[in-house]
N, C-alpha and C. Protein backbone atom coordinates (compact mmCIF):
# COMPACT_ATOMS: atom_id res chain seq x y z
N MET A 1 0.17 -8.94 11.35
CA MET A 1 0.62 -9.45 9.92
C MET A 1 2.69 -9.20 10.49
N THR A 2 2.73 -10.00 10.22
CA THR A 2 4.47 -10.31 10.34
C THR A 2 5.38 -9.72 9.05
N ASP A 3 6.53 -8.89 9.09
CA ASP A 3 7.37 -8.33 8.37
C ASP A 3 7.16 -9.04 6.96
N LYS A 4 7.40 -10.78 7.06
CA LYS A 4 7.66 -11.96 6.03
C LYS A 4 6.20 -12.22 5.21
N GLU A 5 5.57 -11.80 6.11
CA GLU A 5 3.82 -11.85 5.34
C GLU A 5 3.89 -11.10 4.82
N VAL A 6 3.39 -9.53 4.81
CA VAL A 6 3.70 -8.73 3.95
C VAL A 6 4.90 -8.72 2.84
N GLU A 7 5.56 -8.59 3.12
CA GLU A 7 6.78 -9.51 1.61
C GLU A 7 5.75 -9.64 0.79
N GLU A 8 6.07 -11.61 1.05
CA GLU A 8 4.95 -12.33 0.13
C GLU A 8 4.24 -12.12 -0.27
N GLN A 9 2.99 -11.44 0.15
CA GLN A 9 1.71 -11.26 0.33
C GLN A 9 1.84 -10.24 -1.15
N VAL A 10 2.25 -8.77 -1.18
CA VAL A 10 2.84 -8.17 -1.35
C VAL A 10 3.81 -8.64 -2.57
N GLU A 11 5.02 -9.10 -2.62
CA GLU A 11 5.57 -10.29 -4.28
C GLU A 11 4.30 -10.93 -5.20
N SER A 12 4.21 -11.55 -4.56
CA SER A 12 3.26 -12.05 -4.92
C SER A 12 1.92 -12.00 -5.77
N TRP A 13 1.97 -9.99 -5.85
CA TRP A 13 0.81 -9.30 -6.45
C TRP A 13 1.68 -9.61 -8.52
N ASN A 14 3.26 -8.94 -7.26
CA ASN A 14 3.93 -9.04 -9.23
C ASN A 14 3.86 -8.49 -10.27
N TRP A 15 2.46 -7.45 -10.35
CA TRP A 15 2.22 -6.82 -11.66
C TRP A 15 1.15 -7.87 -12.42
N ASN A 16 0.89 -8.86 -11.30
CA ASN A 16 0.05 -9.40 -12.32
C ASN A 16 -1.69 -9.54 -11.81
N LEU A 17 -1.89 -8.89 -10.76
CA LEU A 17 -2.79 -8.45 -10.18
C LEU A 17 -3.41 -6.50 -10.74
N SER A 18 -4.50 -6.26 -11.06
CA SER A 18 -5.50 -5.37 -11.06
C SER A 18 -5.21 -4.46 -9.62
N ILE A 19 -5.71 -3.21 -9.92
CA ILE A 19 -5.74 -2.30 -8.89
C ILE A 19 -7.10 -2.74 -8.10
N PHE A 20 -7.84 -3.07 -8.97
CA PHE A 20 -9.07 -3.48 -8.50
C PHE A 20 -8.76 -5.17 -7.72
N GLU A 21 -8.87 -5.42 -8.26
CA GLU A 21 -8.38 -7.29 -7.26
C GLU A 21 -7.53 -6.94 -5.95
N ILE A 22 -6.23 -6.04 -6.23
CA ILE A 22 -5.69 -6.16 -4.79
C ILE A 22 -6.83 -4.58 -3.96
N TYR A 23 -7.40 -3.96 -4.56
CA TYR A 23 -8.78 -3.82 -3.68
C TYR A 23 -9.76 -4.57 -2.94
N ASP A 24 -9.90 -6.14 -3.52
CA ASP A 24 -10.48 -6.84 -3.22
C ASP A 24 -9.95 -7.91 -1.90
N GLU A 25 -8.68 -7.74 -2.08
CA GLU A 25 -7.70 -8.39 -1.28
C GLU A 25 -7.17 -7.97 -0.25
N VAL A 26 -8.00 -6.18 0.20
CA VAL A 26 -6.56 -6.04 1.26
C VAL A 26 -8.30 -4.94 1.94
N ARG A 27 -9.26 -5.20 0.93
CA ARG A 27 -10.68 -4.13 1.69
C ARG A 27 -10.75 -4.32 3.58
N ASP A 28 -11.07 -5.78 3.62
CA ASP A 28 -10.99 -6.14 4.03
C ASP A 28 -10.67 -6.13 5.95
N ASN A 29 -9.61 -5.57 5.18
CA ASN A 29 -8.41 -6.47 6.44
C ASN A 29 -7.88 -4.80 7.62
N ARG A 30 -7.60 -5.04 8.25
CA ARG A 30 -6.76 -3.57 9.59
C ARG A 30 -6.16 -3.39 9.19
N GLN A 31 -7.00 -1.99 9.46
CA GLN A 31 -6.27 -0.70 9.06
C GLN A 31 -4.33 -1.13 9.65
N GLU A 32 -4.17 -1.53 11.04
CA GLU A 32 -2.93 -1.90 10.16
C GLU A 32 -2.00 -2.42 9.58
N ASP A 33 -2.22 -3.69 9.10
CA ASP A 33 -2.13 -4.66 7.88
C ASP A 33 -2.26 -3.28 6.86
N ASN A 34 -3.39 -3.06 6.73
CA ASN A 34 -2.96 -2.43 5.73
C ASN A 34 -1.72 -1.32 5.02
N ASN A 35 -2.18 -0.71 6.50
CA ASN A 35 -0.76 -0.08 6.28
C ASN A 35 0.16 -0.66 5.77
N LYS A 36 0.93 -1.61 6.62
CA LYS A 36 1.52 -2.31 6.38
C LYS A 36 1.99 -2.57 5.14
N LEU A 37 1.14 -3.09 4.26
CA LEU A 37 1.19 -3.47 2.92
C LEU A 37 0.59 -2.54 1.74
N LEU A 38 0.16 -1.96 2.32
CA LEU A 38 0.51 -0.85 1.29
C LEU A 38 1.80 0.53 0.96
N SER A 39 2.00 0.14 1.93
CA SER A 39 3.80 0.92 2.25
C SER A 39 4.86 0.37 1.60
N TYR A 40 4.31 -1.67 2.01
CA TYR A 40 5.50 -1.45 1.21
C TYR A 40 4.79 -1.64 0.00
N ALA A 41 4.28 -2.57 -0.59
CA ALA A 41 3.74 -2.62 -2.13
C ALA A 41 4.03 -1.42 -2.78
N TYR A 42 3.21 0.15 -2.46
CA TYR A 42 4.36 1.74 -2.96
C TYR A 42 5.75 1.34 -3.62
N HIS A 43 6.54 1.04 -1.67
CA HIS A 43 8.15 1.51 -2.56
C HIS A 43 8.20 -0.25 -3.28
N PHE A 44 7.71 -1.59 -3.65
CA PHE A 44 8.45 -1.89 -4.42
C PHE A 44 7.91 -1.99 -5.29
N PHE A 45 6.52 -1.48 -6.21
CA PHE A 45 6.43 -1.64 -6.95
C PHE A 45 6.87 0.14 -7.89
N ASN A 46 7.95 0.57 -7.43
CA ASN A 46 8.60 1.67 -7.93
C ASN A 46 7.45 2.90 -7.30
N GLN A 47 6.99 2.81 -6.16
CA GLN A 47 7.06 4.23 -6.36
C GLN A 47 5.12 4.58 -7.16
N SER A 48 4.57 3.56 -6.60
CA SER A 48 3.64 3.17 -8.10
C SER A 48 2.70 4.79 -7.18
N GLU A 49 1.42 5.53 -8.27
CA GLU A 49 0.64 6.49 -8.50
C GLU A 49 -0.58 5.45 -7.36
N TRP A 50 -0.91 4.11 -9.18
CA TRP A 50 -2.16 3.54 -8.12
C TRP A 50 -1.88 2.64 -6.78
N ILE A 51 -1.13 2.53 -6.17
CA ILE A 51 -0.43 2.39 -5.18
C ILE A 51 -0.58 2.72 -3.91
N GLY A 52 -0.39 4.82 -4.36
CA GLY A 52 -1.09 5.89 -4.04
C GLY A 52 -2.61 6.27 -4.14
N GLU A 53 -2.76 6.23 -4.70
CA GLU A 53 -4.52 6.87 -4.71
C GLU A 53 -5.13 5.51 -3.76
N LEU A 54 -5.21 4.44 -4.25
CA LEU A 54 -5.25 2.86 -3.08
C LEU A 54 -5.44 3.53 -2.11
N ALA A 55 -4.23 3.81 -1.30
CA ALA A 55 -3.71 3.57 -0.06
C ALA A 55 -5.24 5.17 0.72
N TYR A 56 -5.15 6.28 -0.81
CA TYR A 56 -5.86 7.63 -0.27
C TYR A 56 -7.10 7.40 0.12
N PHE A 57 -7.52 5.77 -0.89
CA PHE A 57 -9.06 5.80 -0.58
C PHE A 57 -9.11 5.67 0.06
N LEU A 58 -7.96 4.63 1.23
CA LEU A 58 -7.94 2.95 2.06
C LEU A 58 -7.17 4.24 4.01
N ASP A 59 -7.23 5.35 3.26
CA ASP A 59 -6.86 6.06 4.24
C ASP A 59 -5.82 5.70 5.05
N VAL A 60 -5.05 5.84 4.49
CA VAL A 60 -3.84 4.26 4.75
C VAL A 60 -2.59 5.46 4.07
N GLU A 61 -1.52 5.81 5.50
CA GLU A 61 -0.51 7.15 5.03
C GLU A 61 0.69 6.56 4.35
N ILE A 62 1.37 6.70 3.39
CA ILE A 62 3.47 6.17 2.72
C ILE A 62 3.71 7.33 3.46
N LYS A 63 5.01 7.09 3.79
CA LYS A 63 6.51 7.93 4.10
C LYS A 63 7.30 7.78 3.14
N LYS A 64 7.17 9.09 2.41
CA LYS A 64 8.16 9.30 1.14
C LYS A 64 8.61 10.83 1.10
N ASP A 65 10.48 9.69 1.79
CA ASP A 65 11.65 11.53 1.64
C ASP A 65 10.44 12.45 2.89
N GLY A 66 10.28 11.99 4.01
CA GLY A 66 8.98 13.13 5.21
C GLY A 66 8.49 13.39 4.50
N LYS A 67 7.53 13.31 3.43
CA LYS A 67 6.08 13.23 2.71
C LYS A 67 5.17 12.44 3.14
N ILE A 68 4.05 11.76 3.05
CA ILE A 68 3.00 11.74 3.35
C ILE A 68 2.27 11.00 2.29
N VAL A 69 2.01 9.58 1.64
CA VAL A 69 1.54 9.71 0.37
C VAL A 69 0.48 8.74 0.46
N GLY A 70 -0.52 9.40 -0.09
CA GLY A 70 -2.17 8.69 0.01
C GLY A 70 -2.19 9.28 1.28
N GLY A 71 -3.61 8.82 1.62
CA GLY A 71 -3.84 9.13 3.21
C GLY A 71 -3.82 10.42 4.06
N LYS A 72 -4.04 10.68 4.32
CA LYS A 72 -3.38 12.19 4.88
C LYS A 72 -2.31 13.10 4.86
N VAL A 73 -2.44 13.77 3.89
CA VAL A 73 -1.15 14.71 3.53
C VAL A 73 -0.61 15.40 3.95
N VAL A 74 0.42 15.40 3.96
CA VAL A 74 1.10 16.80 4.65
C VAL A 74 2.45 17.47 4.22
N ALA A 75 2.42 19.13 4.51
CA ALA A 75 3.60 19.24 4.27
C ALA A 75 4.86 19.33 4.79
N VAL A 76 6.02 19.58 4.55
CA VAL A 76 6.92 19.04 4.98
C VAL A 76 7.00 20.00 5.98
C-alpha cells in the first residue's frame, strides 16, 4: 500500500466505523499494510485507545514517543 492509499483509507473511516468494522476491513490484509494503516490511524484519531487495542490484537507495533503502542510493548 502506498502512503496515499493508507491516508485515503483511514480518512474514509473518519469516525464513522466501529472498531469491529475496521477490524473487518483490515483482518485479511498483509501485516505490512496493517502496520501502515493502524499506525496512521492511531495518530490520525488522536492516539485512540481502541486503535491501540486493535493493533495489539493484530500484533501491529505503533511507535509513540519512543515507545511501542500495541503489538509488542517494550520499555524505553
